[in-house]
N, C-alpha and C. Protein backbone atom coordinates (compact mmCIF):
# COMPACT_ATOMS: atom_id res chain seq x y z
N MET A 1 -4.10 -43.34 -9.99
CA MET A 1 -3.38 -44.05 -10.09
C MET A 1 -2.52 -43.82 -9.17
N LYS A 2 -2.00 -44.83 -8.63
CA LYS A 2 -0.74 -44.91 -7.76
C LYS A 2 0.31 -44.39 -8.29
N HIS A 3 1.02 -43.59 -7.39
CA HIS A 3 2.68 -42.95 -8.16
C HIS A 3 3.16 -43.34 -6.89
N SER A 4 4.75 -43.34 -7.34
CA SER A 4 5.73 -43.77 -6.47
C SER A 4 6.71 -42.59 -6.91
N LEU A 5 7.56 -41.67 -5.73
CA LEU A 5 7.62 -40.49 -5.83
C LEU A 5 8.99 -40.25 -5.24
N LEU A 6 10.30 -40.01 -5.82
CA LEU A 6 11.50 -40.04 -5.13
C LEU A 6 11.83 -38.46 -4.99
N ILE A 7 12.38 -37.84 -3.83
CA ILE A 7 12.65 -36.33 -3.81
C ILE A 7 13.93 -36.59 -2.90
N THR A 8 14.46 -35.83 -3.92
CA THR A 8 15.88 -34.86 -3.07
C THR A 8 16.12 -33.72 -2.39
N ARG A 9 16.12 -34.08 -1.23
CA ARG A 9 16.47 -32.90 -0.53
C ARG A 9 17.74 -32.58 0.22
N PRO A 10 18.93 -31.52 -0.32
CA PRO A 10 20.03 -31.81 0.13
C PRO A 10 19.44 -30.59 1.32
N ASN A 11 20.97 -30.06 2.74
CA ASN A 11 20.87 -29.02 3.53
C ASN A 11 21.71 -28.84 4.03
N PHE A 12 22.21 -28.08 3.20
CA PHE A 12 24.04 -27.72 3.79
C PHE A 12 24.57 -25.94 3.84
N ASP A 13 22.93 -25.17 3.51
CA ASP A 13 23.11 -23.40 3.34
C ASP A 13 21.74 -23.26 3.68
N LEU A 14 21.61 -21.84 3.44
CA LEU A 14 20.02 -21.52 3.97
C LEU A 14 19.21 -21.84 3.00
N THR A 15 19.87 -21.41 1.78
CA THR A 15 18.43 -21.67 0.60
C THR A 15 18.64 -23.05 0.52
N THR A 16 19.16 -24.07 0.79
CA THR A 16 18.77 -25.88 0.51
C THR A 16 18.05 -25.97 2.20
N ARG A 17 17.99 -25.52 3.27
CA ARG A 17 17.75 -25.36 4.21
C ARG A 17 15.96 -25.17 4.01
N TYR A 18 15.65 -23.95 3.09
CA TYR A 18 14.30 -23.85 3.13
C TYR A 18 13.40 -24.54 2.25
N LEU A 19 14.09 -24.90 1.19
CA LEU A 19 13.66 -25.74 0.36
C LEU A 19 13.10 -27.33 1.18
N PHE A 20 14.18 -27.90 1.95
CA PHE A 20 14.41 -29.14 2.52
C PHE A 20 13.08 -28.97 3.56
N ILE A 21 13.02 -27.79 4.14
CA ILE A 21 11.40 -27.90 5.21
C ILE A 21 10.39 -28.04 4.50
N TRP A 22 10.64 -26.68 3.18
CA TRP A 22 8.80 -26.62 2.97
C TRP A 22 8.88 -28.03 1.66
N ALA A 23 9.87 -28.96 1.46
CA ALA A 23 9.64 -29.72 0.70
C ALA A 23 8.95 -31.21 1.67
N GLU A 24 8.76 -30.60 2.75
CA GLU A 24 8.01 -31.74 3.75
C GLU A 24 6.42 -31.97 3.77
N LYS A 25 6.15 -30.67 3.19
CA LYS A 25 4.90 -30.50 3.09
C LYS A 25 4.38 -31.73 2.09
N ILE A 26 5.26 -31.79 1.04
CA ILE A 26 4.72 -32.75 -0.08
C ILE A 26 5.39 -34.02 0.37
N ILE A 27 6.18 -34.52 1.17
CA ILE A 27 6.39 -35.78 1.76
C ILE A 27 5.39 -36.28 2.55
N GLY A 28 4.61 -35.18 3.19
CA GLY A 28 3.04 -35.50 4.15
C GLY A 28 2.02 -36.09 2.61
N LEU A 29 2.11 -35.21 1.84
CA LEU A 29 0.91 -35.47 0.98
C LEU A 29 1.20 -37.09 0.19
N ALA A 30 2.70 -36.89 0.01
CA ALA A 30 2.81 -38.26 -1.33
C ALA A 30 2.64 -39.17 -0.32
N LYS A 31 2.79 -39.35 0.97
CA LYS A 31 2.30 -40.57 1.84
C LYS A 31 0.68 -40.59 1.65
N GLU A 32 0.24 -39.58 1.45
CA GLU A 32 -1.05 -40.08 1.53
C GLU A 32 -1.75 -40.29 0.16
N LYS A 33 -0.73 -40.11 -0.89
CA LYS A 33 -1.25 -40.06 -2.53
C LYS A 33 -0.21 -41.80 -3.15
N CYS A 34 0.44 -41.58 -2.17
CA CYS A 34 1.62 -42.40 -3.36
C CYS A 34 1.78 -44.24 -2.73
N GLY A 35 2.41 -44.99 -3.66
CA GLY A 35 2.08 -46.43 -3.17
C GLY A 35 3.66 -46.19 -2.28
N LYS A 36 4.66 -45.28 -3.15
CA LYS A 36 6.15 -45.30 -2.50
C LYS A 36 6.64 -43.99 -2.46
N VAL A 37 7.48 -43.78 -1.09
CA VAL A 37 7.93 -42.16 -1.35
C VAL A 37 9.27 -42.57 -1.04
N PHE A 38 10.58 -42.45 -1.65
CA PHE A 38 11.64 -42.58 -1.51
C PHE A 38 12.30 -40.84 -1.05
N ASP A 39 12.77 -40.98 0.10
CA ASP A 39 13.38 -39.58 0.46
C ASP A 39 15.18 -39.55 0.55
N LEU A 40 15.35 -39.04 -0.45
CA LEU A 40 17.00 -38.65 -0.03
C LEU A 40 16.69 -37.38 0.21
N SER A 41 17.77 -37.38 1.73
CA SER A 41 17.92 -36.14 2.43
C SER A 41 18.96 -35.84 2.97
N GLY A 42 18.98 -34.57 3.10
CA GLY A 42 20.99 -34.69 3.58
C GLY A 42 21.64 -34.87 2.71
N LYS A 43 22.91 -36.22 3.31
CA LYS A 43 24.49 -36.52 2.73
C LYS A 43 23.69 -37.73 1.50
N ARG A 44 22.40 -38.03 2.26
CA ARG A 44 21.64 -38.78 0.97
C ARG A 44 21.53 -38.35 -0.23
N ALA A 45 20.99 -37.10 -0.03
CA ALA A 45 21.51 -36.54 -1.81
C ALA A 45 22.29 -36.40 -2.11
N ASN A 46 22.98 -37.45 -2.88
CA ASN A 46 24.28 -37.69 -3.33
C ASN A 46 24.29 -38.55 -5.14
N ARG A 47 25.39 -38.32 -5.71
CA ARG A 47 25.13 -39.30 -7.23
C ARG A 47 24.40 -40.41 -6.98
N LYS A 48 25.26 -41.29 -6.50
CA LYS A 48 25.55 -42.65 -6.33
C LYS A 48 24.04 -42.97 -5.98
N GLU A 49 23.90 -42.60 -4.38
CA GLU A 49 22.63 -43.27 -4.07
C GLU A 49 21.45 -42.79 -5.08
N PHE A 50 21.56 -41.50 -5.59
CA PHE A 50 20.10 -41.10 -6.69
C PHE A 50 20.34 -42.21 -7.87
N GLU A 51 21.47 -42.47 -7.81
CA GLU A 51 21.52 -43.25 -9.67
C GLU A 51 20.89 -44.53 -8.94
N SER A 52 21.36 -44.64 -7.71
CA SER A 52 21.01 -46.04 -7.25
C SER A 52 19.14 -45.86 -7.10
N MET A 53 18.91 -45.49 -6.44
CA MET A 53 17.30 -45.42 -5.81
C MET A 53 16.84 -45.42 -7.19
N MET A 54 17.27 -44.67 -8.38
CA MET A 54 16.28 -44.61 -9.46
C MET A 54 16.24 -45.74 -10.19
N LYS A 55 17.59 -46.33 -10.43
CA LYS A 55 17.31 -47.87 -11.33
C LYS A 55 16.59 -48.90 -10.58
N LYS A 56 16.74 -48.75 -8.82
CA LYS A 56 16.18 -49.73 -7.99
C LYS A 56 14.77 -50.05 -8.25
N HIS A 57 14.06 -48.97 -8.06
CA HIS A 57 12.56 -48.03 -7.95
C HIS A 57 12.03 -47.84 -9.00
N GLU A 58 12.50 -47.48 -9.40
CA GLU A 58 11.88 -46.90 -11.03
C GLU A 58 10.63 -45.83 -10.60
N PRO A 59 10.59 -45.06 -9.98
CA PRO A 59 9.67 -43.78 -9.39
C PRO A 59 9.04 -43.03 -10.57
N ASN A 60 7.68 -42.73 -10.68
CA ASN A 60 7.51 -42.19 -12.26
C ASN A 60 6.91 -41.04 -12.17
N LEU A 61 6.95 -40.29 -10.50
CA LEU A 61 7.84 -38.90 -10.36
C LEU A 61 9.07 -38.42 -9.67
N VAL A 62 9.61 -37.69 -9.84
CA VAL A 62 10.73 -37.45 -9.54
C VAL A 62 10.96 -35.80 -8.87
N PHE A 63 10.90 -34.85 -7.64
CA PHE A 63 11.21 -33.97 -7.11
C PHE A 63 12.40 -33.22 -6.88
N LEU A 64 13.33 -33.03 -7.65
CA LEU A 64 14.41 -32.59 -7.03
C LEU A 64 14.61 -30.89 -6.70
N ASN A 65 15.22 -31.00 -5.07
CA ASN A 65 15.48 -29.78 -4.77
C ASN A 65 16.30 -29.57 -4.55
N GLY A 66 17.09 -27.86 -5.00
CA GLY A 66 18.50 -28.25 -5.08
C GLY A 66 19.12 -27.17 -5.82
N HIS A 67 20.64 -26.68 -5.46
CA HIS A 67 20.97 -25.54 -6.66
C HIS A 67 20.98 -26.22 -7.95
N GLY A 68 21.38 -25.48 -8.85
CA GLY A 68 21.22 -25.50 -10.52
C GLY A 68 21.65 -25.03 -11.49
N ASP A 69 21.97 -25.36 -12.34
CA ASP A 69 22.33 -24.43 -13.39
C ASP A 69 21.74 -25.02 -14.76
N SER A 70 22.39 -24.78 -16.15
CA SER A 70 21.24 -24.52 -17.17
C SER A 70 21.55 -26.51 -17.73
N GLU A 71 22.82 -26.80 -16.87
CA GLU A 71 23.07 -28.48 -17.56
C GLU A 71 22.77 -28.94 -16.15
N VAL A 72 22.07 -28.75 -15.21
CA VAL A 72 22.76 -29.78 -13.99
C VAL A 72 22.19 -29.72 -12.58
N VAL A 73 21.36 -30.43 -12.07
CA VAL A 73 20.67 -29.86 -10.80
C VAL A 73 21.59 -31.00 -9.97
N ALA A 74 21.63 -30.50 -8.66
CA ALA A 74 22.68 -30.92 -7.66
C ALA A 74 22.29 -31.34 -6.46
N GLY A 75 22.93 -32.10 -5.57
CA GLY A 75 22.33 -32.29 -4.49
C GLY A 75 23.24 -31.71 -2.93
N GLN A 76 23.68 -32.52 -1.99
CA GLN A 76 24.41 -32.15 -0.92
C GLN A 76 25.27 -31.84 -1.33
N ASP A 77 26.07 -30.72 -0.72
CA ASP A 77 26.98 -30.05 -0.92
C ASP A 77 27.53 -29.64 -2.30
N ASN A 78 26.21 -29.74 -3.03
CA ASN A 78 26.32 -29.08 -4.56
C ASN A 78 27.11 -30.43 -5.58
N GLU A 79 27.07 -31.73 -5.17
CA GLU A 79 27.19 -32.87 -5.56
C GLU A 79 26.54 -32.71 -6.97
N GLU A 80 26.89 -32.82 -8.46
CA GLU A 80 25.54 -33.17 -9.22
C GLU A 80 25.45 -34.23 -9.27
N LEU A 81 23.74 -34.54 -9.45
CA LEU A 81 23.06 -35.15 -9.42
C LEU A 81 22.86 -35.81 -11.28
N ILE A 82 22.60 -34.80 -11.73
CA ILE A 82 21.94 -34.96 -13.20
C ILE A 82 22.61 -33.80 -14.01
N HIS A 83 23.40 -34.31 -15.24
CA HIS A 83 24.19 -33.27 -15.64
C HIS A 83 23.98 -33.88 -17.26
N ALA A 84 22.98 -32.61 -18.13
CA ALA A 84 22.86 -33.13 -19.31
C ALA A 84 24.15 -33.31 -20.35
N GLY A 85 23.99 -34.54 -20.86
CA GLY A 85 25.04 -34.77 -21.62
C GLY A 85 25.54 -35.89 -20.97
N GLU A 86 25.23 -36.48 -19.43
CA GLU A 86 26.03 -37.60 -18.53
C GLU A 86 25.02 -38.57 -18.64
N ASN A 87 23.56 -38.26 -17.80
CA ASN A 87 23.15 -39.42 -16.99
C ASN A 87 21.76 -38.79 -17.42
N GLU A 88 21.49 -37.69 -18.06
CA GLU A 88 19.82 -37.42 -18.19
C GLU A 88 18.90 -38.55 -18.36
N LYS A 89 19.46 -39.58 -19.12
CA LYS A 89 19.11 -40.68 -19.03
C LYS A 89 17.88 -41.51 -18.20
N ILE A 90 18.69 -41.54 -17.33
CA ILE A 90 17.88 -42.26 -15.67
C ILE A 90 16.55 -41.73 -15.57
N LEU A 91 16.33 -40.11 -16.29
CA LEU A 91 14.90 -39.54 -16.52
C LEU A 91 13.88 -40.46 -16.96
N LYS A 92 14.55 -41.19 -17.70
CA LYS A 92 13.43 -41.81 -18.96
C LYS A 92 12.23 -42.34 -18.41
N SER A 93 10.93 -41.95 -19.07
CA SER A 93 9.45 -42.49 -18.54
C SER A 93 9.10 -41.44 -17.00
N LYS A 94 9.61 -40.90 -16.78
CA LYS A 94 9.67 -40.19 -15.43
C LYS A 94 9.21 -38.70 -15.76
N ILE A 95 8.55 -38.15 -14.62
CA ILE A 95 7.61 -36.98 -14.67
C ILE A 95 8.75 -36.09 -13.93
N VAL A 96 9.21 -35.03 -14.15
CA VAL A 96 10.30 -34.50 -13.19
C VAL A 96 9.92 -33.14 -12.97
N TYR A 97 10.32 -32.57 -11.61
CA TYR A 97 9.79 -30.99 -11.13
C TYR A 97 11.29 -30.81 -10.43
N ALA A 98 11.94 -29.96 -10.94
CA ALA A 98 13.18 -29.40 -10.38
C ALA A 98 12.63 -27.96 -10.02
N LEU A 99 12.93 -28.26 -8.65
CA LEU A 99 13.12 -26.63 -7.78
C LEU A 99 14.51 -26.39 -7.97
N SER A 100 14.87 -25.67 -8.49
CA SER A 100 15.99 -25.62 -9.07
C SER A 100 16.68 -24.40 -9.79
N CYS A 101 17.64 -24.03 -9.89
CA CYS A 101 17.16 -22.23 -10.89
C CYS A 101 18.13 -23.20 -12.15
N CYS A 102 17.91 -22.47 -13.45
CA CYS A 102 17.97 -22.85 -14.19
C CYS A 102 18.17 -23.33 -14.93
N SER A 103 17.66 -24.86 -14.83
CA SER A 103 17.84 -26.20 -15.16
C SER A 103 16.98 -26.44 -15.88
N GLY A 104 15.74 -25.16 -16.14
CA GLY A 104 14.79 -25.66 -16.93
C GLY A 104 15.33 -25.06 -18.84
N LYS A 105 16.37 -25.03 -18.83
CA LYS A 105 17.28 -24.06 -20.00
C LYS A 105 17.86 -25.34 -20.85
N ILE A 106 18.31 -25.99 -20.84
CA ILE A 106 19.16 -26.93 -21.25
C ILE A 106 19.04 -28.24 -20.51
N LEU A 107 19.01 -28.52 -19.33
CA LEU A 107 18.83 -30.14 -18.96
C LEU A 107 16.97 -30.15 -19.16
N GLY A 108 16.40 -29.24 -19.09
CA GLY A 108 15.02 -30.04 -19.23
C GLY A 108 14.57 -30.45 -20.38
N PRO A 109 14.97 -29.62 -21.30
CA PRO A 109 14.54 -30.03 -22.83
C PRO A 109 15.72 -31.17 -23.40
N GLN A 110 16.32 -31.60 -22.74
CA GLN A 110 17.92 -32.37 -23.23
C GLN A 110 16.95 -33.68 -22.43
N SER A 111 16.26 -34.03 -21.35
CA SER A 111 15.88 -34.77 -20.23
C SER A 111 14.65 -35.07 -21.39
N VAL A 112 13.64 -34.39 -22.01
CA VAL A 112 12.93 -34.52 -22.17
C VAL A 112 13.25 -35.76 -23.91
N LYS A 113 14.00 -35.16 -24.54
CA LYS A 113 14.30 -35.77 -25.87
C LYS A 113 15.18 -37.06 -25.65
N SER A 114 15.49 -37.39 -24.24
CA SER A 114 16.14 -38.77 -23.58
C SER A 114 15.51 -39.33 -23.28
N GLY A 115 13.93 -38.99 -23.65
CA GLY A 115 12.72 -40.06 -22.55
C GLY A 115 11.84 -39.83 -21.50
N ALA A 116 12.57 -38.31 -21.12
CA ALA A 116 11.52 -38.16 -19.79
C ALA A 116 10.24 -37.74 -20.26
N GLU A 117 9.22 -38.38 -19.86
CA GLU A 117 7.71 -38.14 -20.00
C GLU A 117 7.72 -36.55 -19.77
N ALA A 118 8.09 -35.91 -18.71
CA ALA A 118 7.90 -34.36 -18.42
C ALA A 118 8.82 -33.90 -17.93
N TYR A 119 9.04 -32.82 -17.77
CA TYR A 119 9.91 -31.99 -17.41
C TYR A 119 9.65 -30.74 -16.78
N ILE A 120 9.33 -29.99 -15.58
CA ILE A 120 8.95 -28.69 -15.10
C ILE A 120 9.82 -28.36 -14.52
N GLY A 121 10.41 -27.56 -14.62
CA GLY A 121 11.36 -26.39 -13.75
C GLY A 121 11.54 -24.79 -13.74
N TYR A 122 12.97 -24.14 -13.86
CA TYR A 122 13.15 -23.04 -14.43
C TYR A 122 14.59 -22.49 -15.16
N ASP A 123 13.46 -21.61 -16.45
CA ASP A 123 14.95 -21.72 -17.27
C ASP A 123 15.96 -20.24 -16.74
N GLU A 124 15.54 -19.53 -15.95
CA GLU A 124 16.64 -18.40 -15.28
C GLU A 124 16.74 -18.58 -13.57
N ASP A 125 17.05 -18.13 -12.79
CA ASP A 125 17.19 -18.70 -11.26
C ASP A 125 16.00 -18.46 -10.68
N PHE A 126 15.34 -19.85 -10.27
CA PHE A 126 14.46 -18.79 -8.63
C PHE A 126 14.59 -18.24 -7.76
N ILE A 127 14.21 -17.28 -7.28
CA ILE A 127 14.29 -16.52 -6.26
C ILE A 127 13.42 -16.86 -5.32
N PHE A 128 13.60 -16.54 -4.06
CA PHE A 128 12.36 -16.23 -2.92
C PHE A 128 13.18 -15.44 -2.09
N LEU A 129 12.55 -14.80 -1.45
CA LEU A 129 12.84 -13.55 -0.22
C LEU A 129 12.75 -14.47 0.93
N TYR A 130 12.99 -13.89 1.57
CA TYR A 130 12.38 -14.65 3.05
C TYR A 130 13.17 -13.34 4.13
N GLU A 131 12.07 -14.13 5.80
CA GLU A 131 12.86 -12.73 6.94
C GLU A 131 13.79 -13.28 7.78
N GLU A 132 14.59 -12.18 7.82
CA GLU A 132 16.22 -12.42 8.67
C GLU A 132 15.29 -13.41 9.83
N ASN A 133 14.09 -13.02 10.54
CA ASN A 133 14.48 -13.42 12.25
C ASN A 133 13.51 -14.76 11.85
N LYS A 134 12.94 -15.41 10.24
CA LYS A 134 13.05 -16.58 10.67
C LYS A 134 13.51 -17.70 10.16
N GLN A 135 15.32 -17.43 9.78
CA GLN A 135 16.39 -18.30 9.17
C GLN A 135 16.28 -19.56 9.56
N THR A 136 15.99 -19.39 11.20
CA THR A 136 16.30 -21.28 12.23
C THR A 136 14.53 -21.98 12.04
N ARG A 137 13.67 -20.68 11.54
CA ARG A 137 12.03 -21.84 11.47
C ARG A 137 11.35 -21.17 10.28
N PRO A 138 12.03 -21.83 8.64
CA PRO A 138 11.22 -21.76 7.57
C PRO A 138 10.13 -21.75 7.70
N GLU A 139 9.81 -22.68 8.42
CA GLU A 139 8.24 -23.47 8.13
C GLU A 139 7.25 -22.05 8.78
N GLN A 140 7.79 -21.21 9.24
CA GLN A 140 7.53 -20.23 10.05
C GLN A 140 7.31 -19.13 9.39
N ASP A 141 7.93 -18.48 7.91
CA ASP A 141 8.57 -17.82 7.57
C ASP A 141 6.94 -17.42 6.25
N LYS A 142 6.55 -16.35 6.96
CA LYS A 142 5.02 -15.91 5.57
C LYS A 142 5.78 -15.32 4.34
N THR A 143 6.88 -14.93 4.40
CA THR A 143 7.31 -14.08 3.17
C THR A 143 8.01 -14.92 2.23
N ALA A 144 8.46 -16.20 2.57
CA ALA A 144 9.37 -17.12 1.84
C ALA A 144 7.97 -18.20 1.11
N GLU A 145 6.69 -18.20 2.25
CA GLU A 145 6.37 -19.14 1.84
C GLU A 145 4.78 -18.54 0.79
N MET A 146 5.52 -16.84 0.57
CA MET A 146 4.48 -16.44 -0.82
C MET A 146 5.20 -17.13 -2.35
N PHE A 147 6.45 -17.49 -2.13
CA PHE A 147 6.59 -17.95 -3.12
C PHE A 147 6.94 -19.82 -3.45
N LEU A 148 7.23 -20.43 -2.04
CA LEU A 148 7.70 -21.67 -1.92
C LEU A 148 5.91 -22.52 -2.40
N GLU A 149 4.91 -22.00 -1.57
CA GLU A 149 3.74 -22.71 -1.76
C GLU A 149 3.58 -22.51 -3.11
N PRO A 150 3.47 -21.38 -4.11
CA PRO A 150 3.05 -21.78 -5.17
C PRO A 150 4.40 -22.75 -6.10
N ALA A 151 5.16 -22.94 -5.86
CA ALA A 151 6.22 -23.47 -6.37
C ALA A 151 5.94 -25.23 -6.01
N ASN A 152 5.53 -25.47 -4.84
CA ASN A 152 5.26 -26.42 -4.24
C ASN A 152 3.66 -27.39 -4.94
N GLN A 153 2.81 -26.12 -5.75
CA GLN A 153 1.72 -26.49 -6.09
C GLN A 153 1.83 -27.14 -7.31
N VAL A 154 3.13 -27.59 -8.17
CA VAL A 154 3.34 -28.05 -9.00
C VAL A 154 3.19 -29.82 -8.78
N MET A 155 4.14 -29.77 -7.58
CA MET A 155 3.88 -31.19 -7.21
C MET A 155 2.88 -31.85 -6.54
N VAL A 156 1.79 -30.91 -5.71
CA VAL A 156 0.49 -31.23 -5.06
C VAL A 156 -0.21 -31.43 -6.38
N SER A 157 -0.41 -30.66 -7.53
CA SER A 157 -0.74 -30.91 -8.67
C SER A 157 -0.47 -32.48 -9.26
N LEU A 158 0.26 -32.71 -9.62
CA LEU A 158 1.10 -34.33 -10.14
C LEU A 158 0.39 -35.27 -8.84
N LEU A 159 0.55 -34.72 -7.41
CA LEU A 159 0.30 -35.98 -6.82
C LEU A 159 -1.11 -36.09 -6.75
N LYS A 160 -1.88 -35.46 -7.23
CA LYS A 160 -3.40 -35.43 -7.99
C LYS A 160 -3.59 -35.90 -8.61
N ASP A 161 -2.38 -36.63 -9.38
CA ASP A 161 -3.12 -36.88 -10.82
C ASP A 161 -3.18 -36.19 -11.88
N HIS A 162 -3.03 -34.93 -11.70
CA HIS A 162 -3.00 -34.11 -13.07
C HIS A 162 -1.72 -34.30 -13.68
N SER A 163 -2.19 -33.40 -15.19
CA SER A 163 -1.62 -33.66 -16.05
C SER A 163 0.23 -32.46 -15.81
N PRO A 164 1.41 -32.34 -16.30
CA PRO A 164 1.66 -31.99 -16.19
C PRO A 164 1.61 -31.05 -16.74
N LYS A 165 1.08 -30.19 -17.35
CA LYS A 165 0.75 -29.20 -18.04
C LYS A 165 -0.37 -28.50 -17.17
N LYS A 166 -1.42 -29.05 -16.59
CA LYS A 166 -2.46 -28.50 -15.85
C LYS A 166 -1.58 -28.27 -14.23
N ALA A 167 -0.60 -29.35 -14.15
CA ALA A 167 0.55 -28.84 -12.33
C ALA A 167 0.67 -27.34 -12.54
N HIS A 168 1.47 -27.36 -13.99
CA HIS A 168 2.64 -26.51 -14.46
C HIS A 168 1.40 -25.12 -14.55
N PHE A 169 0.11 -24.88 -15.05
CA PHE A 169 -0.41 -24.25 -14.89
C PHE A 169 -1.30 -23.66 -13.78
N ASN A 170 -1.51 -24.74 -12.47
CA ASN A 170 -1.99 -24.27 -11.29
C ASN A 170 -1.09 -23.79 -10.53
N SER A 171 0.34 -23.74 -10.65
CA SER A 171 1.73 -23.34 -10.43
C SER A 171 1.48 -21.67 -10.24
N LYS A 172 1.21 -21.65 -11.84
CA LYS A 172 0.92 -20.04 -12.17
C LYS A 172 -0.14 -19.23 -11.63
N LYS A 173 -1.52 -19.75 -11.75
CA LYS A 173 -1.84 -19.65 -10.98
C LYS A 173 -1.78 -19.25 -9.37
N SER A 174 -1.40 -19.94 -9.36
CA SER A 174 -1.11 -20.53 -7.51
C SER A 174 -0.43 -18.51 -7.29
N PHE A 175 0.71 -18.44 -8.16
CA PHE A 175 1.61 -16.90 -8.23
C PHE A 175 0.84 -16.12 -8.10
N VAL A 176 0.04 -16.16 -9.45
CA VAL A 176 -0.90 -14.89 -10.00
C VAL A 176 -1.73 -14.83 -8.39
N ARG A 177 -2.16 -15.49 -7.71
CA ARG A 177 -3.37 -15.59 -6.74
C ARG A 177 -1.88 -14.50 -5.49
N ASN A 178 -1.01 -14.92 -5.42
CA ASN A 178 -0.32 -14.43 -4.23
C ASN A 178 0.09 -12.85 -4.81
N ILE A 179 0.28 -12.42 -6.06
CA ILE A 179 0.35 -11.36 -6.50
C ILE A 179 -0.80 -10.18 -6.57
N ARG A 180 -1.49 -10.73 -7.01
CA ARG A 180 -2.77 -9.92 -6.76
C ARG A 180 -3.10 -9.69 -4.67
N LYS A 181 -3.39 -10.80 -4.17
CA LYS A 181 -3.24 -10.29 -2.63
C LYS A 181 -2.28 -9.02 -2.34
N LEU A 182 -1.05 -9.51 -2.36
CA LEU A 182 -0.05 -8.47 -2.50
C LEU A 182 -0.31 -6.95 -3.22
N LEU A 183 -0.82 -7.08 -4.16
CA LEU A 183 -1.33 -5.77 -4.84
C LEU A 183 -2.27 -4.93 -4.18
N SER A 184 -3.10 -5.92 -3.80
CA SER A 184 -4.25 -5.14 -3.23
C SER A 184 -3.75 -4.94 -1.86
N SER A 185 -2.87 -5.18 -0.85
CA SER A 185 -2.41 -4.90 0.33
C SER A 185 -2.29 -3.79 0.53
N GLN A 186 -1.73 -3.15 1.83
CA GLN A 186 -1.15 -1.82 1.93
C GLN A 186 0.53 -2.04 2.33
N SER A 187 1.27 -3.05 2.54
CA SER A 187 2.47 -3.25 2.70
C SER A 187 3.14 -2.93 1.50
N VAL A 188 2.69 -1.84 1.27
CA VAL A 188 4.00 -1.70 -0.62
C VAL A 188 4.97 -1.85 -0.49
N ALA A 189 5.74 -1.32 0.60
CA ALA A 189 7.31 -1.44 0.69
C ALA A 189 7.76 -2.75 0.36
N ILE A 190 7.72 -3.72 0.84
CA ILE A 190 7.63 -5.75 1.40
C ILE A 190 7.49 -6.13 0.18
N GLY A 191 5.67 -5.31 -0.18
CA GLY A 191 5.54 -5.91 -1.15
C GLY A 191 5.39 -5.56 -2.68
N GLY A 192 6.18 -4.57 -2.93
CA GLY A 192 6.73 -4.21 -3.90
C GLY A 192 7.90 -5.55 -4.96
N SER A 193 8.92 -5.06 -3.66
CA SER A 193 10.28 -6.22 -4.08
C SER A 193 9.45 -7.47 -4.42
N VAL A 194 8.65 -8.22 -3.11
CA VAL A 194 8.31 -9.56 -3.16
C VAL A 194 7.21 -9.61 -4.70
N VAL A 195 6.46 -9.13 -4.97
CA VAL A 195 5.58 -9.08 -6.28
C VAL A 195 6.59 -9.32 -7.49
N ARG A 196 7.61 -8.60 -7.30
CA ARG A 196 8.57 -8.43 -8.59
C ARG A 196 9.43 -9.74 -8.73
N TYR A 197 9.52 -10.50 -8.04
CA TYR A 197 10.31 -11.76 -7.80
C TYR A 197 9.35 -12.89 -8.50
N LEU A 198 8.29 -12.64 -7.61
CA LEU A 198 7.06 -13.58 -8.02
C LEU A 198 6.65 -13.42 -9.42
N ILE A 199 6.52 -12.43 -9.54
CA ILE A 199 6.31 -11.99 -11.14
C ILE A 199 7.43 -13.44 -12.06
N TRP A 200 8.81 -12.67 -12.10
CA TRP A 200 9.62 -13.54 -12.02
C TRP A 200 10.15 -15.00 -12.13
N ASP A 201 9.59 -15.63 -11.37
CA ASP A 201 9.61 -17.43 -10.68
C ASP A 201 8.56 -17.39 -12.06
N MET A 202 7.24 -17.02 -11.60
CA MET A 202 6.23 -17.31 -12.45
C MET A 202 6.47 -16.76 -14.30
N GLN A 203 7.28 -16.18 -14.43
CA GLN A 203 7.47 -16.19 -16.01
C GLN A 203 8.06 -17.34 -16.51
N HIS A 204 9.63 -17.27 -15.58
CA HIS A 204 10.61 -18.23 -15.98
C HIS A 204 10.01 -19.93 -15.78
N GLN A 205 8.89 -20.25 -14.87
CA GLN A 205 8.51 -21.73 -15.04
C GLN A 205 8.44 -22.41 -16.36
N VAL A 206 8.76 -23.65 -16.73
CA VAL A 206 8.68 -23.50 -17.80
C VAL A 206 8.29 -25.46 -18.07
N CYS A 207 8.03 -25.81 -19.38
CA CYS A 207 7.45 -27.20 -18.67
C CYS A 207 7.44 -27.88 -20.52
N TYR A 208 8.45 -28.96 -20.12
CA TYR A 208 8.53 -29.95 -20.97
C TYR A 208 7.72 -31.03 -21.47
N GLU A 209 6.70 -31.34 -22.50
CA GLU A 209 5.91 -32.75 -22.21
C GLU A 209 7.12 -33.62 -24.04
N ARG A 210 6.81 -34.64 -23.42
CA ARG A 210 7.23 -35.71 -24.91
C ARG A 210 6.17 -35.24 -25.86
N GLU A 211 6.87 -35.29 -27.36
CA GLU A 211 5.60 -34.80 -28.00
C GLU A 211 4.83 -36.21 -28.72
N ASP A 212 5.19 -37.02 -28.35
CA ASP A 212 4.48 -38.39 -28.77
C ASP A 212 3.54 -39.36 -27.62
N LYS A 213 3.53 -38.37 -27.12
CA LYS A 213 2.38 -39.06 -26.08
C LYS A 213 0.74 -38.86 -26.33
């Protein structure tokens, strides 16, 4: 199946900078696998452009990067892109992955009730650790990689035509792999805190799908 992907990549603080850079790997894969890729990066990650591109191009995959809360996923400068009870119907028939804090709590299930094919996200904060000396080069940050590579596995799997449930499973399996790697390593001081938050992210990744599929 040829997918079309819309991805949002705000870039205005340290967290969004990391997500912005690490999402580039997904864009590279998507260009191989997809018919079309629509990249709303930086200032283009605003509500007006997001809604316009969604309606005009109707991508079947949507990858949201940015800050959020239980009802919202935000774009550039924390502008709300999607708000439960306002415009989640724009996700109808879409498979959505939100790499964002807490949106899996309310926005996720509400989106599926409003017609989204599936919504994968996090029902609590998504937490990742990073190395102070790699802040200007996030792609070289091996600590952040322990979190962001498993998180991105959702999109890798979806782009390879796996089902949302399988993508969710593969991501969790990737988290487990990194947890085991750290538990068997010698770097106990660093590994302990990393393991704690890897387990947290893995446990709080959720997947909702339409029941009538």
